[in-house]
Amino acid sequence: MFDAAGVSFVSVTQQFNTTTSMGRLTLNVLLSFAQFEREVIADQHLPKVNPTLVALLCKAESARVQLLRMARQRRAI
């Protein structure tokens, strides 16, 4: 991440330095945990879709498509 831009991160208050292999490992572990936490939060907060609602929406969409086809056929006549 930092290597591609030619940048390194050195913490003044902690032993954290991305110029060393241990520092890069620590950074990757922290980034992995951050990504995991974001995904867990997203999974918990995504609305659960009701299967009945999905079926109704599919029926409504197919009815809409059918009405559009009928309207096009009438215009063609």
C-alpha atoms as a PDB file:
ATOM      1  CA  MET A   1       0.000   0.000   0.000  1.00  0.00           C
ATOM      2  CA  PHE A   2       2.592   2.551   1.063  1.00  0.00           C
ATOM      3  CA  ASP A   3       5.395   0.922  -0.927  1.00  0.00           C
ATOM      4  CA  ALA A   4       3.731   1.644  -4.274  1.00  0.00           C
ATOM      5  CA  ALA A   5       3.724   5.360  -3.464  1.00  0.00           C
ATOM      6  CA  GLY A   6       7.200   5.308  -1.933  1.00  0.00           C
ATOM      7  CA  VAL A   7       5.835   6.292   1.485  1.00  0.00           C
ATOM      8  CA  SER A   8       6.508   4.807   4.911  1.00  0.00           C
ATOM      9  CA  PHE A   9       4.729   5.305   8.222  1.00  0.00           C
ATOM     10  CA  VAL A  10       6.610   5.607  11.496  1.00  0.00           C
ATOM     11  CA  SER A  11       4.655   6.157  14.714  1.00  0.00           C
ATOM     12  CA  VAL A  12       6.190   8.520  17.223  1.00  0.00           C
ATOM     13  CA  THR A  13       4.252   7.215  20.238  1.00  0.00           C
ATOM     14  CA  GLN A  14       4.325   3.445  19.499  1.00  0.00           C
ATOM     15  CA  GLN A  15       6.722   0.903  18.033  1.00  0.00           C
ATOM     16  CA  PHE A  16       5.095   0.889  14.606  1.00  0.00           C
ATOM     17  CA  ASN A  17       7.179   1.300  11.478  1.00  0.00           C
ATOM     18  CA  THR A  18       6.145   0.212   7.952  1.00  0.00           C
ATOM     19  CA  THR A  19       9.709   0.236   6.712  1.00  0.00           C
ATOM     20  CA  THR A  20      10.287  -3.092   8.505  1.00  0.00           C
ATOM     21  CA  SER A  21       8.693  -6.454   7.741  1.00  0.00           C
ATOM     22  CA  MET A  22       7.165  -6.605  11.245  1.00  0.00           C
ATOM     23  CA  GLY A  23       5.622  -3.158  10.782  1.00  0.00           C
ATOM     24  CA  ARG A  24       4.100  -4.164   7.441  1.00  0.00           C
ATOM     25  CA  LEU A  25       2.717  -7.353   9.011  1.00  0.00           C
ATOM     26  CA  THR A  26       1.175  -5.347  11.861  1.00  0.00           C
ATOM     27  CA  LEU A  27      -0.392  -2.924   9.387  1.00  0.00           C
ATOM     28  CA  ASN A  28      -1.873  -5.773   7.332  1.00  0.00           C
ATOM     29  CA  VAL A  29      -3.303  -7.465  10.437  1.00  0.00           C
ATOM     30  CA  LEU A  30      -4.895  -4.197  11.579  1.00  0.00           C
ATOM     31  CA  LEU A  31      -6.342  -3.572   8.110  1.00  0.00           C
ATOM     32  CA  SER A  32      -7.726  -7.121   7.999  1.00  0.00           C
ATOM     33  CA  PHE A  33      -9.480  -6.682  11.330  1.00  0.00           C
ATOM     34  CA  ALA A  34     -10.897  -3.334  10.191  1.00  0.00           C
ATOM     35  CA  GLN A  35     -12.282  -4.927   7.012  1.00  0.00           C
ATOM     36  CA  PHE A  36     -13.743  -7.817   9.005  1.00  0.00           C
ATOM     37  CA  GLU A  37     -15.444  -5.405  11.414  1.00  0.00           C
ATOM     38  CA  ARG A  38     -16.961  -3.409   8.532  1.00  0.00           C
ATOM     39  CA  GLU A  39     -18.352  -6.584   6.974  1.00  0.00           C
ATOM     40  CA  VAL A  40     -19.813  -7.840  10.267  1.00  0.00           C
ATOM     41  CA  ILE A  41     -21.518  -4.493  10.859  1.00  0.00           C
ATOM     42  CA  ALA A  42     -22.889  -4.478   7.303  1.00  0.00           C
ATOM     43  CA  ASP A  43     -24.227  -8.036   7.694  1.00  0.00           C
ATOM     44  CA  GLN A  44     -25.987  -7.112  10.918  1.00  0.00           C
ATOM     45  CA  HIS A  45     -27.594  -3.971   9.542  1.00  0.00           C
ATOM     46  CA  LEU A  46     -28.690  -5.130   6.110  1.00  0.00           C
ATOM     47  CA  PRO A  47     -32.449  -5.467   6.022  1.00  0.00           C
ATOM     48  CA  LYS A  48     -33.639  -9.024   5.731  1.00  0.00           C
ATOM     49  CA  VAL A  49     -35.791  -9.297   2.628  1.00  0.00           C
ATOM     50  CA  ASN A  50     -39.173 -10.927   3.068  1.00  0.00           C
ATOM     51  CA  PRO A  51     -39.607 -13.738   0.477  1.00  0.00           C
ATOM     52  CA  THR A  52     -43.296 -12.866   0.057  1.00  0.00           C
ATOM     53  CA  LEU A  53     -42.384  -9.283  -0.784  1.00  0.00           C
ATOM     54  CA  VAL A  54     -39.826 -10.474  -3.329  1.00  0.00           C
ATOM     55  CA  ALA A  55     -42.474 -12.692  -4.975  1.00  0.00           C
ATOM     56  CA  LEU A  56     -44.936  -9.788  -5.143  1.00  0.00           C
ATOM     57  CA  LEU A  57     -42.310  -7.490  -6.658  1.00  0.00           C
ATOM     58  CA  CYS A  58     -41.444 -10.124  -9.274  1.00  0.00           C
ATOM     59  CA  LYS A  59     -45.120 -10.529 -10.183  1.00  0.00           C
ATOM     60  CA  ALA A  60     -45.553  -6.760 -10.411  1.00  0.00           C
ATOM     61  CA  GLU A  61     -42.494  -6.466 -12.653  1.00  0.00           C
ATOM     62  CA  SER A  62     -43.673  -9.233 -14.976  1.00  0.00           C
ATOM     63  CA  ALA A  63     -47.141  -7.618 -15.145  1.00  0.00           C
ATOM     64  CA  ARG A  64     -45.513  -4.288 -16.020  1.00  0.00           C
ATOM     65  CA  VAL A  65     -43.456  -5.919 -18.773  1.00  0.00           C
ATOM     66  CA  GLN A  66     -46.553  -7.654 -20.117  1.00  0.00           C
ATOM     67  CA  LEU A  67     -48.492  -4.364 -20.206  1.00  0.00           C
ATOM     68  CA  LEU A  68     -45.629  -2.679 -22.060  1.00  0.00           C
ATOM     69  CA  ARG A  69     -45.608  -5.466 -24.662  1.00  0.00           C
ATOM     70  CA  MET A  70     -49.365  -5.128 -25.140  1.00  0.00           C
ATOM     71  CA  ALA A  71     -49.048  -1.349 -25.545  1.00  0.00           C
ATOM     72  CA  ARG A  72     -46.279  -1.758 -28.138  1.00  0.00           C
ATOM     73  CA  GLN A  73     -48.355  -4.287 -30.071  1.00  0.00           C
ATOM     74  CA  ARG A  74     -51.320  -1.896 -30.163  1.00  0.00           C
ATOM     75  CA  ARG A  75     -49.109   0.919 -31.464  1.00  0.00           C
ATOM     76  CA  ALA A  76     -47.774  -1.359 -34.190  1.00  0.00           C
ATOM     77  CA  ILE A  77     -51.285  -2.099 -35.450  1.00  0.00           C
END
